[in-house]
Protein backbone atom coordinates (compact mmCIF):
# COMPACT_ATOMS: atom_id res chain seq x y z
CA UNK A 1 23.70 -26.89 7.24
CA UNK A 2 23.93 -24.59 4.22
CA UNK A 3 23.68 -20.87 4.91
CA UNK A 4 20.80 -19.35 2.88
CA UNK A 5 21.74 -16.72 0.33
CA UNK A 6 20.00 -13.36 0.15
CA UNK A 7 18.67 -12.08 -3.17
CA UNK A 8 21.52 -9.54 -3.27
CA UNK A 9 24.08 -12.30 -3.17
CA UNK A 10 24.88 -11.83 0.52
CA UNK A 11 24.77 -14.81 2.82
CA UNK A 12 23.11 -14.58 6.21
CA UNK A 13 26.39 -15.65 7.76
CA UNK A 14 28.20 -12.74 6.26
CA UNK A 15 30.06 -12.82 2.94
CA UNK A 16 28.96 -11.38 -0.38
CA UNK A 17 29.55 -13.00 -3.73
CA UNK A 18 32.32 -10.45 -4.26
CA UNK A 19 34.02 -11.57 -1.05
CA UNK A 20 33.31 -8.46 1.01
CA UNK A 21 32.66 -9.20 4.66
CA UNK A 22 29.13 -8.44 5.90
CA UNK A 23 28.28 -8.75 9.59
CA UNK A 24 24.99 -10.39 10.49
CA UNK A 25 23.04 -8.55 13.18
CA UNK A 26 23.14 -9.62 16.78
CA UNK A 27 20.07 -10.00 18.98
CA UNK A 28 20.27 -6.44 20.35
CA UNK A 29 20.45 -4.86 16.89
CA UNK A 30 17.63 -7.03 15.57
CA UNK A 31 15.46 -6.11 18.55
CA UNK A 32 16.25 -2.42 17.97
CA UNK A 33 15.13 -2.61 14.32
CA UNK A 34 12.03 -4.61 15.24
CA UNK A 35 11.02 -2.03 17.86
CA UNK A 36 11.74 0.90 15.53
CA UNK A 37 9.50 -0.53 12.80
CA UNK A 38 6.76 -1.45 15.30
CA UNK A 39 6.80 2.04 16.82
CA UNK A 40 6.80 3.85 13.47
CA UNK A 41 4.36 1.82 11.35
CA UNK A 42 2.97 -0.90 13.63
CA UNK A 43 4.44 -3.82 11.68
CA UNK A 44 5.71 -6.75 13.77
CA UNK A 45 8.96 -8.39 12.63
CA UNK A 46 9.75 -10.68 15.56
CA UNK A 47 11.41 -13.88 14.37
CA UNK A 48 12.12 -12.43 10.91
CA UNK A 49 15.87 -11.84 11.10
CA UNK A 50 16.39 -13.08 7.55
CA UNK A 51 13.86 -10.61 6.17
CA UNK A 52 15.33 -7.71 8.16
CA UNK A 53 18.90 -8.43 7.09
CA UNK A 54 18.05 -9.06 3.44
CA UNK A 55 16.09 -5.83 3.15
CA UNK A 56 18.78 -3.74 4.83
CA UNK A 57 21.71 -5.01 2.79
CA UNK A 58 21.34 -2.51 -0.05
CA UNK A 59 21.21 0.33 2.51
CA UNK A 60 24.66 -0.65 3.78
CA UNK A 61 26.07 0.10 0.34
CA UNK A 62 23.84 3.13 -0.22
CA UNK A 63 25.02 4.84 2.98
CA UNK A 64 28.63 3.70 2.59
CA UNK A 65 28.84 1.72 5.82
CA UNK A 66 31.17 -1.24 6.33
CA UNK A 67 28.45 -3.74 7.24
CA UNK A 68 24.98 -4.18 8.71
CA UNK A 69 26.18 -3.53 12.26
CA UNK A 70 27.70 -0.21 11.23
CA UNK A 71 24.53 0.79 9.40
CA UNK A 72 22.31 0.01 12.39
CA UNK A 73 24.70 2.02 14.55
CA UNK A 74 24.06 4.93 12.19
CA UNK A 75 20.31 4.52 12.72
CA UNK A 76 20.87 4.35 16.48
CA UNK A 77 22.57 7.75 16.22
CA UNK A 78 19.23 9.08 14.95
CA UNK A 79 20.33 9.65 11.38
CA UNK A 80 16.95 10.68 9.94
CA UNK A 81 17.72 9.69 6.35
CA UNK A 82 18.88 6.23 7.43
CA UNK A 83 15.86 5.80 9.71
CA UNK A 84 13.45 6.72 6.93
CA UNK A 85 15.28 4.32 4.62
CA UNK A 86 14.80 1.46 7.12
CA UNK A 87 11.06 2.11 7.32
CA UNK A 88 10.82 2.28 3.55
CA UNK A 89 12.78 -0.98 3.17
CA UNK A 90 10.49 -2.79 5.60
CA UNK A 91 7.32 -1.72 3.82
CA UNK A 92 5.83 -4.37 1.56
CA UNK A 93 5.22 -2.77 -1.82
CA UNK A 94 3.77 -5.62 -3.85
CA UNK A 95 0.94 -4.47 -6.11
CA UNK A 96 -0.25 -4.46 -9.70
CA UNK A 97 -2.89 -2.95 -11.96
CA UNK A 98 -6.36 -4.45 -11.36
CA UNK A 99 -4.89 -6.76 -8.74
CA UNK A 100 -6.96 -9.97 -8.32
CA UNK A 101 -9.35 -8.71 -11.05
CA UNK A 102 -12.63 -9.88 -9.40
CA UNK A 103 -12.84 -7.02 -6.87
CA UNK A 104 -12.59 -4.47 -9.69
CA UNK A 105 -15.28 -6.28 -11.66
CA UNK A 106 -17.54 -6.06 -8.59
CA UNK A 107 -16.79 -2.37 -8.22
CA UNK A 108 -17.72 -1.63 -11.83
CA UNK A 109 -20.86 -3.78 -11.97
CA UNK A 110 -22.33 -3.38 -8.46
CA UNK A 111 -20.59 -1.09 -5.97
CA UNK A 112 -19.99 2.05 -8.02
CA UNK A 113 -23.51 2.09 -9.55
CA UNK A 114 -25.03 1.79 -6.06
CA UNK A 115 -22.78 4.49 -4.62
CA UNK A 116 -23.62 6.87 -7.46
CA UNK A 117 -27.39 6.46 -7.08
CA UNK A 118 -29.47 9.17 -5.52
CA UNK A 119 -29.43 12.99 -5.50
CA UNK A 120 -26.19 14.80 -4.84
CA UNK A 121 -23.95 11.86 -5.69
CA UNK A 122 -22.39 13.19 -8.87
CA UNK A 123 -18.95 11.84 -8.01
CA UNK A 124 -17.12 9.61 -5.54
CA UNK A 125 -14.61 10.18 -2.78
CA UNK A 126 -12.36 7.14 -2.40
CA UNK A 127 -9.48 6.55 -0.02
CA UNK A 128 -6.86 4.06 -1.14
CA UNK A 129 -4.92 3.61 2.09
CA UNK A 130 -1.46 2.06 1.74
CA UNK A 131 -1.49 2.67 -2.01
CA UNK A 132 2.09 1.46 -2.55
CA UNK A 133 3.29 2.59 -6.01
CA UNK A 134 -0.19 3.60 -7.14
CA UNK A 135 -1.35 0.91 -9.57
CA UNK A 136 -4.61 0.25 -7.71
CA UNK A 137 -5.45 3.96 -7.54
CA UNK A 138 -4.99 4.38 -11.26
CA UNK A 139 -6.98 1.18 -11.85
CA UNK A 140 -9.89 2.78 -9.99
CA UNK A 141 -9.57 5.91 -12.10
CA UNK A 142 -9.64 3.82 -15.30
CA UNK A 143 -12.81 2.04 -14.16
CA UNK A 144 -14.60 5.29 -13.49
CA UNK A 145 -13.52 6.85 -16.79
CA UNK A 146 -14.68 3.76 -18.68
CA UNK A 147 -17.96 3.02 -16.92
CA UNK A 148 -19.01 6.32 -15.31
CA UNK A 149 -17.36 9.13 -17.31
CA UNK A 150 -19.92 11.65 -16.07
CA UNK A 151 -18.68 11.05 -12.50
CA UNK A 152 -14.98 11.38 -13.30
CA UNK A 153 -14.71 15.20 -12.97
CA UNK A 154 -16.24 15.05 -9.48
CA UNK A 155 -14.35 11.97 -8.28
CA UNK A 156 -11.31 12.15 -6.03
CA UNK A 157 -9.14 9.11 -5.26
CA UNK A 158 -7.06 9.98 -2.20
CA UNK A 159 -3.98 7.75 -2.27
CA UNK A 160 -1.79 7.53 0.82
CA UNK A 161 1.23 5.55 1.90
CA UNK A 162 3.70 5.66 4.76
CA UNK A 163 6.65 5.39 2.37
CA UNK A 164 7.87 8.70 0.89
CA UNK A 165 9.38 6.74 -2.01
CA UNK A 166 6.03 5.11 -2.83
CA UNK A 167 4.20 8.42 -2.51
CA UNK A 168 6.62 9.96 -5.00
CA UNK A 169 6.26 7.01 -7.38
CA UNK A 170 2.47 7.27 -7.27
CA UNK A 171 2.57 11.03 -7.77
CA UNK A 172 4.95 10.68 -10.72
CA UNK A 173 2.80 7.95 -12.28
CA UNK A 174 5.64 6.35 -14.23
CA UNK A 175 5.93 2.59 -14.65
CA UNK A 176 8.18 0.11 -16.39
CA UNK A 177 6.96 -2.00 -19.28
CA UNK A 178 6.94 -5.00 -16.91
CA UNK A 179 4.69 -3.17 -14.44
CA UNK A 180 2.32 -2.02 -17.19
CA UNK A 181 2.07 -5.57 -18.51
CA UNK A 182 0.98 -6.81 -15.07
CA UNK A 183 -2.76 -6.36 -15.29
CA UNK A 184 -3.18 -4.02 -18.27
CA UNK A 185 -4.22 -4.92 -21.78
CA UNK A 186 -2.37 -3.31 -24.68
CA UNK A 187 -5.48 -1.24 -25.42
CA UNK A 188 -5.58 0.18 -21.89
CA UNK A 189 -1.84 0.83 -21.85
CA UNK A 190 -2.06 2.85 -25.07
CA UNK A 191 -5.25 4.65 -23.99
CA UNK A 192 -4.12 5.75 -20.53
CA UNK A 193 -0.32 6.03 -20.77
CA UNK A 194 2.26 7.96 -22.76
CA UNK A 195 5.55 6.25 -23.47
CA UNK A 196 8.39 8.45 -22.24
CA UNK A 197 11.71 6.82 -23.03
CA UNK A 198 11.64 3.42 -21.36
CA UNK A 199 8.85 4.42 -18.96
CA UNK A 200 5.07 4.57 -19.31
CA UNK A 201 3.52 7.69 -17.72
CA UNK A 202 -0.15 8.07 -16.82
CA UNK A 203 -1.99 10.61 -18.95
CA UNK A 204 -3.32 13.85 -17.37
CA UNK A 205 -6.97 12.75 -17.40
CA UNK A 206 -6.00 9.84 -15.16
CA UNK A 207 -3.52 11.73 -12.99
CA UNK A 208 -5.93 14.55 -12.14
CA UNK A 209 -8.28 12.09 -10.41
CA UNK A 210 -5.61 10.83 -8.00
CA UNK A 211 -4.63 12.94 -4.98
CA UNK A 212 -1.43 11.53 -3.46
CA UNK A 213 -0.40 12.16 0.15
CA UNK A 214 1.99 10.73 2.73
CA UNK A 215 0.19 9.24 5.72
CA UNK A 216 0.98 6.84 8.55
CA UNK A 217 -2.06 4.74 9.49
CA UNK A 218 -0.98 4.79 13.14
CA UNK A 219 -1.25 8.58 13.30
CA UNK A 220 -4.13 11.06 12.94
CA UNK A 221 -6.10 11.18 9.67
CA UNK A 222 -7.17 14.82 9.70
CA UNK A 223 -6.52 15.13 5.97
CA UNK A 224 -8.96 12.32 5.10
CA UNK A 225 -12.55 13.44 4.38
CA UNK A 226 -15.70 11.34 4.54
CA UNK A 227 -15.45 8.66 1.86
CA UNK A 228 -17.81 6.48 -0.15
CA UNK A 229 -15.25 3.71 -0.43
CA UNK A 230 -12.07 2.82 1.47
CA UNK A 231 -9.53 0.36 0.08
CA UNK A 232 -7.25 -1.19 2.70
CA UNK A 233 -6.04 -4.24 0.81
CA UNK A 234 -3.38 -6.64 2.07
CA UNK A 235 -2.32 -4.29 4.86
CA UNK A 236 -4.01 -5.45 8.06
CA UNK A 237 -2.29 -8.85 7.91
CA UNK A 238 0.93 -7.15 9.04
CA UNK A 239 -0.59 -5.57 12.16
CA UNK A 240 -1.37 -7.02 15.60
CA UNK A 241 -5.07 -7.33 16.46
CA UNK A 242 -5.14 -4.22 18.66
CA UNK A 243 -3.89 -2.11 15.74
CA UNK A 244 -6.29 -3.75 13.29
CA UNK A 245 -9.17 -3.01 15.66
CA UNK A 246 -8.21 0.65 16.04
CA UNK A 247 -7.79 1.22 12.29
CA UNK A 248 -11.04 -0.47 11.29
CA UNK A 249 -13.02 1.29 14.02
CA UNK A 250 -11.67 4.68 12.98
CA UNK A 251 -12.52 3.99 9.33
CA UNK A 252 -16.07 2.99 10.28
CA UNK A 253 -16.78 5.87 12.65
CA UNK A 254 -14.74 8.74 11.22
CA UNK A 255 -14.22 8.11 7.50
CA UNK A 256 -16.97 6.06 5.86
CA UNK A 257 -20.13 7.77 4.69
CA UNK A 258 -23.32 6.12 6.03
CA UNK A 259 -23.77 4.39 2.67
CA UNK A 260 -20.05 3.66 2.21
CA UNK A 261 -18.08 0.43 2.37
CA UNK A 262 -14.65 -1.01 3.08
CA UNK A 263 -12.67 -3.22 0.70
CA UNK A 264 -10.03 -5.53 2.19
CA UNK A 265 -7.61 -8.04 0.68
CA UNK A 266 -8.89 -11.46 -0.30
CA UNK A 267 -7.27 -13.08 2.77
CA UNK A 268 -8.47 -10.40 5.21
CA UNK A 269 -11.70 -9.98 7.16
CA UNK A 270 -13.27 -7.91 9.92
CA UNK A 271 -14.37 -11.14 11.65
CA UNK A 272 -13.21 -11.24 15.26
CA UNK A 273 -11.79 -7.72 14.97
CA UNK A 274 -14.67 -5.26 14.60
CA UNK A 275 -18.28 -6.46 14.92
CA UNK A 276 -19.47 -3.08 13.62
CA UNK A 277 -19.08 -4.27 10.03
CA UNK A 278 -21.38 -6.48 8.04
CA UNK A 279 -19.73 -8.53 5.26
CA UNK A 280 -21.72 -8.72 2.06
CA UNK A 281 -20.98 -10.75 -1.03
CA UNK A 282 -20.95 -8.47 -4.06
CA UNK A 283 -20.37 -10.37 -7.27
CA UNK A 284 -17.39 -12.62 -6.54
CA UNK A 285 -15.95 -10.35 -3.85
CA UNK A 286 -16.75 -9.41 -0.26
CA UNK A 287 -17.21 -5.83 0.88
CA UNK A 288 -17.75 -4.58 4.43
CA UNK A 289 -20.54 -2.18 5.33
CA UNK A 290 -21.21 -0.54 8.70
CA UNK A 291 -23.80 -2.72 10.43
CA UNK A 292 -27.37 -1.65 9.82
CA UNK A 293 -26.79 0.30 6.62
CA UNK A 294 -28.61 -0.48 3.39
CA UNK A 295 -26.88 -0.77 0.02
């Protein structure tokens, strides 16, 4: 049987392309990492040894350890920097501008107009939970500037993530040409970004709408106000049902405005998790409203 090769060039059995020996993790070390990640961010990694080892390989080199076993020993010694690095490495950070397209079309044509109707609704408060590197938050800001410019000065897009690295990336608002090309037309790239060297940086009118904060969904959300819209896309799939239930219930009872709604990933649903939501088809997308509300 051929040993699979990691993206870094390291085999699961333990030698890099350069010939340096790398020790695969034993059951006790794997269980330690699994429990650490579950305790910190609620993500379950049981049976995913390959993923754990492949994502930790670059940390071995970064921290100057001899192999994976030595690096995990460092984490066991409660090295805070190494522990934070493990959590960051295990966080899925796949995103893009206007990801999946249809949900953003529904927001612009149906959801935002409805949310902005009525007295006292001059702007929106949006929470983009698990914002990753920020592309979805800035996509929301672009939509509002393009379709509802009068609401832009009074709109706040609170963008949170458990990863300090992703929080910093979102706050900096700098992207590679490849990242800009994923989801943005040339016209939007030129309109909303300044080219700074080899990076593309969001312009101030976009950046001022996005409020970036570090937040762990398993902990208290005291910094999150009542919101018109909550985005929690492609996050719940990594949590066990008990955690999903707790998060969705807290959003419904403590975060959403009475007229507000929840936006999940295309493969996610509240079905079988929280009966307090009512799914409604809006355009080509599904949004979730607290049961009994009118929109």
